[in-house]
Amino acid sequence: MVKQQNNPLHGLTLEFIINQLFLRYGWEELGRMINIGCFKKDPSVKSSLKFLRKTEWARKKVEQLYIDSFC
């Protein structure tokens, strides 16, 4: 098993990341910070997970925002 000491996202689920960002910023601010529809039109954790799991570029932006915000 490889340890990921330098990966600040190790052990965090995408759902946890979205929830933490939502609690800190809210959907409106997240939509301004990252211009993706799942944060702007009828946002929810479920719809965000569905979109971000299929869209790597958007997921990377969300993960980077989490790192910048909490790490």
N, C-alpha and C. Protein backbone atom coordinates (compact mmCIF):
# COMPACT_ATOMS: atom_id res chain seq x y z
N MET A 1 0.82 -1.18 0.00
CA MET A 1 0.00 0.00 0.00
C MET A 1 0.88 1.25 0.00
N VAL A 2 0.57 2.19 -0.87
CA VAL A 2 1.35 3.40 -1.00
C VAL A 2 0.75 4.49 -0.12
N LYS A 3 1.57 5.09 0.69
CA LYS A 3 1.10 6.21 1.52
C LYS A 3 1.08 7.46 0.66
N GLN A 4 0.10 8.30 0.90
CA GLN A 4 -0.03 9.53 0.14
C GLN A 4 0.10 10.72 1.07
N GLN A 5 1.25 10.84 1.70
CA GLN A 5 1.47 11.89 2.68
C GLN A 5 1.39 13.29 2.07
N ASN A 6 1.75 13.41 0.81
CA ASN A 6 1.76 14.72 0.16
C ASN A 6 0.45 15.05 -0.56
N ASN A 7 -0.54 14.19 -0.44
CA ASN A 7 -1.83 14.41 -1.09
C ASN A 7 -2.83 14.90 -0.04
N PRO A 8 -3.16 16.19 -0.04
CA PRO A 8 -4.08 16.71 0.98
C PRO A 8 -5.51 16.19 0.84
N LEU A 9 -5.83 15.57 -0.28
CA LEU A 9 -7.18 15.04 -0.49
C LEU A 9 -7.29 13.55 -0.15
N HIS A 10 -6.17 12.95 0.23
CA HIS A 10 -6.18 11.52 0.53
C HIS A 10 -7.17 11.21 1.65
N GLY A 11 -8.05 10.27 1.39
CA GLY A 11 -9.03 9.84 2.38
C GLY A 11 -10.31 10.66 2.38
N LEU A 12 -10.38 11.71 1.57
CA LEU A 12 -11.58 12.55 1.52
C LEU A 12 -12.43 12.14 0.32
N THR A 13 -13.71 12.03 0.54
CA THR A 13 -14.62 11.72 -0.57
C THR A 13 -15.01 13.02 -1.27
N LEU A 14 -15.43 12.89 -2.51
CA LEU A 14 -15.92 14.04 -3.26
C LEU A 14 -17.14 14.64 -2.56
N GLU A 15 -17.97 13.81 -2.00
CA GLU A 15 -19.15 14.29 -1.28
C GLU A 15 -18.74 15.15 -0.07
N PHE A 16 -17.74 14.71 0.68
CA PHE A 16 -17.25 15.48 1.81
C PHE A 16 -16.72 16.83 1.35
N ILE A 17 -15.95 16.84 0.27
CA ILE A 17 -15.37 18.08 -0.26
C ILE A 17 -16.47 19.06 -0.66
N ILE A 18 -17.48 18.57 -1.38
CA ILE A 18 -18.59 19.43 -1.80
C ILE A 18 -19.32 19.99 -0.58
N ASN A 19 -19.60 19.13 0.39
CA ASN A 19 -20.31 19.59 1.59
C ASN A 19 -19.52 20.67 2.34
N GLN A 20 -18.23 20.48 2.46
CA GLN A 20 -17.41 21.47 3.17
C GLN A 20 -17.38 22.80 2.42
N LEU A 21 -17.25 22.74 1.10
CA LEU A 21 -17.25 23.97 0.31
C LEU A 21 -18.60 24.66 0.38
N PHE A 22 -19.68 23.88 0.34
CA PHE A 22 -21.02 24.46 0.45
C PHE A 22 -21.20 25.15 1.80
N LEU A 23 -20.76 24.50 2.87
CA LEU A 23 -20.90 25.09 4.20
C LEU A 23 -20.11 26.39 4.33
N ARG A 24 -18.96 26.45 3.69
CA ARG A 24 -18.14 27.66 3.78
C ARG A 24 -18.65 28.78 2.88
N TYR A 25 -19.05 28.43 1.64
CA TYR A 25 -19.35 29.46 0.65
C TYR A 25 -20.81 29.56 0.24
N GLY A 26 -21.56 28.47 0.30
CA GLY A 26 -22.92 28.46 -0.22
C GLY A 26 -22.91 28.27 -1.73
N TRP A 27 -24.05 27.90 -2.28
CA TRP A 27 -24.12 27.59 -3.72
C TRP A 27 -23.86 28.82 -4.58
N GLU A 28 -24.42 29.95 -4.18
CA GLU A 28 -24.28 31.16 -5.00
C GLU A 28 -22.82 31.55 -5.17
N GLU A 29 -22.09 31.58 -4.07
CA GLU A 29 -20.67 31.94 -4.12
C GLU A 29 -19.86 30.87 -4.86
N LEU A 30 -20.17 29.60 -4.64
CA LEU A 30 -19.48 28.54 -5.37
C LEU A 30 -19.69 28.71 -6.88
N GLY A 31 -20.89 29.07 -7.28
CA GLY A 31 -21.18 29.29 -8.70
C GLY A 31 -20.39 30.46 -9.27
N ARG A 32 -20.11 31.46 -8.45
CA ARG A 32 -19.28 32.58 -8.89
C ARG A 32 -17.81 32.18 -8.96
N MET A 33 -17.38 31.37 -8.00
CA MET A 33 -15.97 30.99 -7.93
C MET A 33 -15.61 29.97 -9.01
N ILE A 34 -16.51 29.03 -9.25
CA ILE A 34 -16.31 28.00 -10.28
C ILE A 34 -17.55 28.01 -11.16
N ASN A 35 -17.40 28.45 -12.38
CA ASN A 35 -18.53 28.66 -13.27
C ASN A 35 -18.99 27.33 -13.89
N ILE A 36 -19.73 26.56 -13.09
CA ILE A 36 -20.31 25.31 -13.60
C ILE A 36 -21.78 25.25 -13.22
N GLY A 37 -22.58 24.70 -14.11
CA GLY A 37 -24.02 24.71 -13.96
C GLY A 37 -24.53 24.02 -12.72
N CYS A 38 -23.85 22.97 -12.26
CA CYS A 38 -24.36 22.24 -11.09
C CYS A 38 -24.31 23.08 -9.82
N PHE A 39 -23.56 24.18 -9.84
CA PHE A 39 -23.54 25.11 -8.70
C PHE A 39 -24.49 26.28 -8.92
N LYS A 40 -24.98 26.45 -10.15
CA LYS A 40 -25.78 27.63 -10.47
C LYS A 40 -27.26 27.34 -10.66
N LYS A 41 -27.59 26.25 -11.34
CA LYS A 41 -28.99 25.96 -11.67
C LYS A 41 -29.48 24.80 -10.81
N ASP A 42 -30.39 25.08 -9.89
CA ASP A 42 -30.97 24.08 -9.00
C ASP A 42 -29.88 23.23 -8.34
N PRO A 43 -28.96 23.88 -7.60
CA PRO A 43 -27.82 23.14 -7.05
C PRO A 43 -28.20 22.20 -5.90
N SER A 44 -27.50 21.09 -5.84
CA SER A 44 -27.61 20.15 -4.74
C SER A 44 -26.34 19.32 -4.70
N VAL A 45 -26.12 18.68 -3.58
CA VAL A 45 -24.95 17.81 -3.47
C VAL A 45 -25.08 16.67 -4.47
N LYS A 46 -26.26 16.10 -4.59
CA LYS A 46 -26.48 14.97 -5.49
C LYS A 46 -26.18 15.33 -6.95
N SER A 47 -26.70 16.47 -7.41
CA SER A 47 -26.46 16.85 -8.80
C SER A 47 -24.99 17.21 -9.02
N SER A 48 -24.37 17.81 -8.01
CA SER A 48 -22.96 18.15 -8.13
C SER A 48 -22.10 16.90 -8.22
N LEU A 49 -22.40 15.91 -7.38
CA LEU A 49 -21.66 14.65 -7.43
C LEU A 49 -21.79 14.00 -8.80
N LYS A 50 -22.99 13.95 -9.33
CA LYS A 50 -23.23 13.32 -10.62
C LYS A 50 -22.40 13.99 -11.71
N PHE A 51 -22.42 15.32 -11.74
CA PHE A 51 -21.68 16.06 -12.76
C PHE A 51 -20.17 15.93 -12.56
N LEU A 52 -19.69 16.13 -11.34
CA LEU A 52 -18.26 16.14 -11.09
C LEU A 52 -17.61 14.77 -11.27
N ARG A 53 -18.36 13.71 -11.05
CA ARG A 53 -17.80 12.37 -11.26
C ARG A 53 -17.58 12.08 -12.74
N LYS A 54 -18.33 12.77 -13.60
CA LYS A 54 -18.19 12.55 -15.05
C LYS A 54 -17.31 13.59 -15.72
N THR A 55 -16.98 14.68 -15.04
CA THR A 55 -16.31 15.81 -15.67
C THR A 55 -15.02 16.12 -14.92
N GLU A 56 -13.93 15.57 -15.43
CA GLU A 56 -12.65 15.65 -14.72
C GLU A 56 -12.16 17.08 -14.54
N TRP A 57 -12.27 17.93 -15.56
CA TRP A 57 -11.75 19.31 -15.44
C TRP A 57 -12.48 20.07 -14.33
N ALA A 58 -13.79 19.86 -14.21
CA ALA A 58 -14.56 20.54 -13.18
C ALA A 58 -14.21 19.99 -11.79
N ARG A 59 -14.05 18.68 -11.71
CA ARG A 59 -13.69 18.06 -10.43
C ARG A 59 -12.34 18.60 -9.95
N LYS A 60 -11.40 18.76 -10.86
CA LYS A 60 -10.08 19.28 -10.49
C LYS A 60 -10.19 20.71 -9.95
N LYS A 61 -11.06 21.51 -10.54
CA LYS A 61 -11.26 22.87 -10.04
C LYS A 61 -11.85 22.87 -8.64
N VAL A 62 -12.80 21.99 -8.40
CA VAL A 62 -13.42 21.87 -7.08
C VAL A 62 -12.39 21.38 -6.06
N GLU A 63 -11.60 20.40 -6.42
CA GLU A 63 -10.57 19.89 -5.52
C GLU A 63 -9.54 20.97 -5.21
N GLN A 64 -9.16 21.75 -6.21
CA GLN A 64 -8.18 22.82 -5.98
C GLN A 64 -8.76 23.90 -5.06
N LEU A 65 -10.03 24.22 -5.24
CA LEU A 65 -10.66 25.20 -4.36
C LEU A 65 -10.67 24.69 -2.92
N TYR A 66 -10.93 23.40 -2.73
CA TYR A 66 -10.91 22.81 -1.39
C TYR A 66 -9.50 22.95 -0.80
N ILE A 67 -8.49 22.61 -1.56
CA ILE A 67 -7.11 22.71 -1.08
C ILE A 67 -6.77 24.15 -0.70
N ASP A 68 -7.13 25.08 -1.58
CA ASP A 68 -6.85 26.49 -1.32
C ASP A 68 -7.61 27.01 -0.10
N SER A 69 -8.79 26.47 0.14
CA SER A 69 -9.64 26.95 1.23
C SER A 69 -9.32 26.33 2.58
N PHE A 70 -8.93 25.06 2.59
CA PHE A 70 -8.82 24.34 3.86
C PHE A 70 -7.43 23.80 4.20
N CYS A 71 -6.52 23.82 3.25
CA CYS A 71 -5.21 23.21 3.53
C CYS A 71 -4.11 24.24 3.68
